């Protein structure tokens, strides 16, 4: 009995040591995140900082599914958290999705790095999409990299002017047009296509640094400051979307995003943080 008592006491102290000694035998929780490509690019430096103070929470972020695809995956229980650039649909809200606006980032017009141009006008964009303007000043053929018709970037560009809607529809009717489904696909395709022209969020430019030429629009340089001031017209929203099964670990990540450190990192990477604005519901 005496030996058995000693064994029991030893086991008790071993269990106590494992439970209460910092850093020993703590279960690691996983948070799966996906959504809009430009929003996920913003998340990369935030996640790196988050991991430093939350070593028992592992954040997994795969290639972007896009806002709509990620929300579907969230509601199916395959994701814990979504960073979206679209408002939720009524049916998504009915299924338990909840959205809060985090901030906005400029959508920047970009061209392949060898394009010798620093500014583009709305009229020039209309002419390019219509097919009236087909070459850059150096004679290089302009090669459009478009997004799907229902993509947020397409909708933003179409609102630049009444003529842009018609011009973009004309471009889509031409055969052989390059369509990039995700944000990373868009800026990488522009970067590797001679004479390429497209658009991407400022977050991607700052974080990923693709080798492209940044074009101001109608003489206004894209920045959070010009966006907030109203002189730059292309604003891409970033929202946090949670679902019925969003975990406490995911909420810890959200809390970090909303903290002074998280907000400062987002600001440094091209986001005007507007948390507190009414969510789309």
Protein backbone atom coordinates (compact mmCIF):
# COMPACT_ATOMS: atom_id res chain seq x y z
CA UNK A 1 0.00 0.00 0.00
CA UNK A 2 2.86 2.31 0.84
CA UNK A 3 4.41 1.89 -2.62
CA UNK A 4 1.05 2.42 -4.28
CA UNK A 5 0.53 5.65 -2.29
CA UNK A 6 3.92 6.94 -3.39
CA UNK A 7 3.06 6.22 -7.05
CA UNK A 8 -0.28 8.02 -6.72
CA UNK A 9 1.38 11.08 -5.16
CA UNK A 10 4.02 11.16 -7.91
CA UNK A 11 1.38 10.94 -10.61
CA UNK A 12 -0.57 13.79 -8.95
CA UNK A 13 2.46 16.08 -8.99
CA UNK A 14 3.27 15.13 -12.59
CA UNK A 15 -0.24 16.01 -13.75
CA UNK A 16 -0.17 19.25 -11.76
CA UNK A 17 3.16 20.20 -13.34
CA UNK A 18 1.85 19.57 -16.86
CA UNK A 19 -1.30 21.57 -16.23
CA UNK A 20 0.19 24.58 -14.51
CA UNK A 21 3.70 24.97 -15.87
CA UNK A 22 3.66 27.69 -18.58
CA UNK A 23 4.32 26.44 -22.08
CA UNK A 24 4.13 22.74 -21.23
CA UNK A 25 1.55 20.44 -22.80
CA UNK A 26 -0.89 23.20 -23.74
CA UNK A 27 -3.29 22.20 -26.46
CA UNK A 28 -2.86 24.18 -29.67
CA UNK A 29 -6.05 25.56 -31.17
CA UNK A 30 -6.38 26.17 -34.92
CA UNK A 31 -8.21 29.08 -36.53
CA UNK A 32 -8.97 28.80 -40.25
CA UNK A 33 -9.29 32.11 -42.10
CA UNK A 34 -10.12 32.93 -45.72
CA UNK A 35 -11.88 35.50 -47.89
CA UNK A 36 -10.95 38.36 -50.22
CA UNK A 37 -7.35 38.25 -51.47
CA UNK A 38 -6.54 41.87 -50.65
CA UNK A 39 -7.97 41.44 -47.13
CA UNK A 40 -5.93 38.26 -46.62
CA UNK A 41 -2.79 40.13 -47.70
CA UNK A 42 -3.56 42.67 -44.95
CA UNK A 43 -3.89 39.78 -42.47
CA UNK A 44 -0.37 38.40 -43.06
CA UNK A 45 1.51 40.93 -40.87
CA UNK A 46 -1.33 40.89 -38.32
CA UNK A 47 -1.18 37.11 -38.00
CA UNK A 48 2.62 37.19 -37.63
CA UNK A 49 2.26 39.66 -34.74
CA UNK A 50 -0.66 37.72 -33.24
CA UNK A 51 1.36 34.50 -33.10
CA UNK A 52 4.04 36.17 -30.97
CA UNK A 53 1.65 36.68 -28.08
CA UNK A 54 -0.72 33.75 -28.76
CA UNK A 55 1.57 30.78 -29.24
CA UNK A 56 -1.18 28.27 -28.44
CA UNK A 57 -3.37 29.47 -31.34
CA UNK A 58 -2.32 28.50 -34.86
CA UNK A 59 -3.89 30.53 -37.68
CA UNK A 60 -4.21 28.76 -41.04
CA UNK A 61 -4.82 30.87 -44.13
CA UNK A 62 -4.87 29.14 -47.52
CA UNK A 63 -5.16 30.65 -51.02
CA UNK A 64 -8.13 33.04 -51.23
CA UNK A 65 -11.56 31.62 -52.00
CA UNK A 66 -12.98 35.10 -52.55
CA UNK A 67 -15.61 36.71 -50.33
CA UNK A 68 -18.61 34.69 -51.56
CA UNK A 69 -16.84 31.33 -51.58
CA UNK A 70 -15.38 31.90 -48.12
CA UNK A 71 -18.76 32.81 -46.60
CA UNK A 72 -20.22 29.59 -48.02
CA UNK A 73 -17.37 27.64 -46.45
CA UNK A 74 -17.89 29.46 -43.13
CA UNK A 75 -21.57 28.56 -43.03
CA UNK A 76 -20.72 24.96 -43.92
CA UNK A 77 -18.41 24.82 -40.90
CA UNK A 78 -15.19 24.60 -42.94
CA UNK A 79 -13.86 28.00 -41.79
CA UNK A 80 -13.77 29.88 -38.51
CA UNK A 81 -13.44 33.43 -39.84
CA UNK A 82 -13.86 35.33 -43.11
CA UNK A 83 -12.42 38.64 -44.29
CA UNK A 84 -14.88 39.88 -46.90
CA UNK A 85 -15.12 42.74 -49.37
CA UNK A 86 -18.83 42.20 -50.04
CA UNK A 87 -22.00 42.82 -48.03
CA UNK A 88 -23.74 39.69 -46.81
CA UNK A 89 -26.78 38.42 -48.68
CA UNK A 90 -30.05 38.16 -46.72
CA UNK A 91 -29.95 34.37 -46.95
CA UNK A 92 -26.43 34.32 -45.49
CA UNK A 93 -27.56 36.44 -42.55
CA UNK A 94 -30.55 34.11 -42.10
CA UNK A 95 -28.12 31.19 -41.79
CA UNK A 96 -26.21 32.90 -38.99
CA UNK A 97 -23.49 34.94 -40.70
CA UNK A 98 -22.62 38.21 -38.95
CA UNK A 99 -20.56 41.05 -40.40
CA UNK A 100 -18.77 44.05 -38.94
CA UNK A 101 -16.95 46.62 -41.04
CA UNK A 102 -13.25 46.74 -40.22
CA UNK A 103 -11.95 49.31 -42.69
CA UNK A 104 -11.38 50.38 -46.28
CA UNK A 105 -8.39 50.33 -48.59
CA UNK A 106 -7.91 52.08 -51.96
CA UNK A 107 -8.32 50.06 -55.14
CA UNK A 108 -5.29 51.04 -57.23
CA UNK A 109 -4.99 50.99 -61.03
CA UNK A 110 -1.80 49.10 -61.86
CA UNK A 111 0.20 48.40 -65.00
CA UNK A 112 3.10 46.14 -65.93
CA UNK A 113 6.36 47.61 -64.58
CA UNK A 114 7.76 48.66 -67.98
CA UNK A 115 4.75 50.84 -68.78
CA UNK A 116 6.08 54.42 -68.82
CA UNK A 117 3.05 56.19 -67.44
CA UNK A 118 2.25 57.58 -63.99
CA UNK A 119 -1.38 58.70 -64.31
CA UNK A 120 -4.51 57.57 -66.06
CA UNK A 121 -7.84 59.33 -66.52
CA UNK A 122 -11.34 57.95 -66.39
CA UNK A 123 -11.73 58.84 -70.06
CA UNK A 124 -8.60 56.87 -70.93
CA UNK A 125 -9.93 53.88 -69.01
CA UNK A 126 -13.21 54.10 -70.90
CA UNK A 127 -11.33 54.25 -74.21
CA UNK A 128 -9.13 51.29 -73.24
CA UNK A 129 -12.07 49.09 -72.24
CA UNK A 130 -13.99 50.10 -75.38
CA UNK A 131 -11.00 49.21 -77.54
CA UNK A 132 -10.46 52.75 -78.83
CA UNK A 133 -7.11 53.14 -77.03
CA UNK A 134 -5.01 50.04 -77.65
CA UNK A 135 -1.39 51.05 -76.98
CA UNK A 136 0.68 52.75 -74.30
CA UNK A 137 2.74 55.86 -75.18
CA UNK A 138 5.80 53.65 -75.89
CA UNK A 139 3.82 51.67 -78.46
CA UNK A 140 3.34 48.55 -76.29
CA UNK A 141 -0.07 46.94 -76.72
CA UNK A 142 -2.39 47.42 -73.74
CA UNK A 143 -3.46 44.06 -72.38
CA UNK A 144 -6.37 44.21 -69.95
CA UNK A 145 -6.52 41.88 -66.96
CA UNK A 146 -10.17 41.88 -65.94
CA UNK A 147 -12.05 40.45 -62.97
CA UNK A 148 -15.30 38.44 -63.11
CA UNK A 149 -18.39 40.57 -63.72
CA UNK A 150 -19.75 40.04 -60.19
CA UNK A 151 -16.42 40.73 -58.50
CA UNK A 152 -16.20 43.77 -56.20
CA UNK A 153 -13.31 45.27 -58.20
CA UNK A 154 -15.39 45.15 -61.38
CA UNK A 155 -18.32 46.84 -59.64
CA UNK A 156 -16.08 49.57 -58.25
CA UNK A 157 -14.54 50.32 -61.65
CA UNK A 158 -17.97 50.38 -63.31
CA UNK A 159 -19.05 53.15 -60.92
CA UNK A 160 -16.28 55.50 -62.03
CA UNK A 161 -18.53 56.98 -64.72
CA UNK A 162 -21.68 56.19 -66.69
CA UNK A 163 -19.48 55.36 -69.66
CA UNK A 164 -17.45 52.75 -67.76
CA UNK A 165 -20.39 50.35 -67.54
CA UNK A 166 -20.77 50.26 -71.31
CA UNK A 167 -17.01 50.18 -71.84
CA UNK A 168 -16.52 47.20 -69.53
CA UNK A 169 -19.38 45.31 -71.14
CA UNK A 170 -17.78 45.97 -74.52
CA UNK A 171 -14.46 44.59 -73.27
CA UNK A 172 -16.15 41.44 -71.97
CA UNK A 173 -17.72 40.83 -75.36
CA UNK A 174 -14.31 40.62 -77.04
CA UNK A 175 -12.79 37.16 -77.35
CA UNK A 176 -9.52 36.28 -75.69
CA UNK A 177 -9.87 38.61 -72.69
CA UNK A 178 -7.81 37.66 -69.64
CA UNK A 179 -9.97 37.12 -66.54
CA UNK A 180 -8.30 36.87 -63.12
CA UNK A 181 -10.52 35.26 -60.51
CA UNK A 182 -8.69 36.31 -57.32
CA UNK A 183 -6.74 39.38 -56.19
CA UNK A 184 -3.34 37.62 -56.20
CA UNK A 185 -4.06 36.19 -59.64
CA UNK A 186 -4.89 39.71 -60.86
CA UNK A 187 -1.74 41.49 -59.70
CA UNK A 188 0.57 38.60 -60.58
CA UNK A 189 -0.95 38.42 -64.07
CA UNK A 190 -0.54 42.17 -64.61
CA UNK A 191 3.08 41.92 -63.39
CA UNK A 192 4.03 39.19 -65.88
CA UNK A 193 2.01 40.43 -68.88
CA UNK A 194 3.74 42.90 -71.20
CA UNK A 195 1.60 46.04 -71.33
CA UNK A 196 -0.73 44.61 -68.66
CA UNK A 197 -3.36 46.80 -66.99
CA UNK A 198 -5.58 45.95 -64.03
CA UNK A 199 -6.39 46.88 -60.46
CA UNK A 200 -5.68 45.65 -56.93
CA UNK A 201 -6.06 46.72 -53.32
CA UNK A 202 -3.37 48.86 -51.68
CA UNK A 203 -2.92 46.19 -49.00
CA UNK A 204 -1.56 43.79 -51.64
CA UNK A 205 0.83 46.42 -53.01
CA UNK A 206 2.29 47.14 -49.56
CA UNK A 207 2.47 43.57 -48.25
CA UNK A 208 3.30 41.57 -51.40
CA UNK A 209 5.16 44.30 -53.33
CA UNK A 210 4.35 42.99 -56.83
CA UNK A 211 6.63 44.48 -59.52
CA UNK A 212 4.04 46.78 -61.12
CA UNK A 213 3.61 50.45 -61.97
CA UNK A 214 1.11 52.30 -59.77
CA UNK A 215 -1.08 54.77 -61.65
CA UNK A 216 -2.72 57.76 -60.05
CA UNK A 217 -6.30 58.37 -61.20
CA UNK A 218 -7.24 61.74 -62.72
CA UNK A 219 -4.14 63.20 -61.06
CA UNK A 220 -5.00 61.86 -57.59
CA UNK A 221 -2.63 59.38 -55.96
CA UNK A 222 -4.30 56.50 -54.13
CA UNK A 223 -3.83 56.55 -50.36
CA UNK A 224 -5.96 56.12 -47.25
CA UNK A 225 -5.74 59.90 -46.79
CA UNK A 226 -7.08 60.77 -50.27
CA UNK A 227 -9.69 58.04 -49.86
CA UNK A 228 -10.99 59.45 -46.57
CA UNK A 229 -10.78 62.98 -47.94
CA UNK A 230 -13.01 62.01 -50.84
CA UNK A 231 -10.66 62.97 -53.67
CA UNK A 232 -9.83 59.34 -54.55
CA UNK A 233 -12.95 57.45 -55.62
CA UNK A 234 -12.08 53.74 -55.52
CA UNK A 235 -12.69 52.35 -52.02
CA UNK A 236 -12.54 48.63 -51.23
CA UNK A 237 -14.21 47.53 -47.99
CA UNK A 238 -12.80 44.96 -45.56
CA UNK A 239 -15.25 43.30 -43.16
CA UNK A 240 -14.99 40.62 -40.50
CA UNK A 241 -17.57 37.86 -40.95
CA UNK A 242 -18.32 35.28 -38.27
CA UNK A 243 -20.74 32.36 -38.21
CA UNK A 244 -22.69 30.22 -35.76
CA UNK A 245 -19.65 27.99 -35.14
CA UNK A 246 -16.99 30.69 -34.84
CA UNK A 247 -14.70 29.57 -32.00
CA UNK A 248 -13.36 31.39 -28.96
CA UNK A 249 -9.87 31.17 -30.52
CA UNK A 250 -11.18 32.98 -33.62
CA UNK A 251 -12.70 35.63 -31.36
CA UNK A 252 -9.28 36.05 -29.74
CA UNK A 253 -7.86 36.81 -33.19
CA UNK A 254 -10.68 39.32 -33.85
CA UNK A 255 -9.97 40.97 -30.51
CA UNK A 256 -6.33 41.38 -31.58
CA UNK A 257 -7.41 42.89 -34.92
CA UNK A 258 -9.49 45.48 -33.04
CA UNK A 259 -6.73 46.23 -30.51
CA UNK A 260 -4.47 49.30 -30.84
CA UNK A 261 -1.64 47.06 -32.11
CA UNK A 262 -3.85 45.34 -34.68
CA UNK A 263 -5.33 48.62 -35.89
CA UNK A 264 -1.87 50.18 -36.18
CA UNK A 265 -0.61 47.25 -38.27
CA UNK A 266 -3.64 47.45 -40.57
CA UNK A 267 -3.13 51.20 -40.96
CA UNK A 268 0.55 50.68 -41.80
CA UNK A 269 -0.51 48.28 -44.53
CA UNK A 270 -2.92 50.55 -46.37
CA UNK A 271 -6.18 50.28 -44.43
CA UNK A 272 -8.23 53.13 -43.02
CA UNK A 273 -9.69 51.34 -40.01
CA UNK A 274 -13.35 52.31 -39.57
CA UNK A 275 -14.36 49.76 -36.94
CA UNK A 276 -17.51 50.98 -35.26
CA UNK A 277 -19.35 51.73 -38.49
CA UNK A 278 -22.67 49.95 -38.99
CA UNK A 279 -22.33 46.46 -40.38
CA UNK A 280 -24.14 45.33 -43.54
CA UNK A 281 -27.15 43.35 -42.35
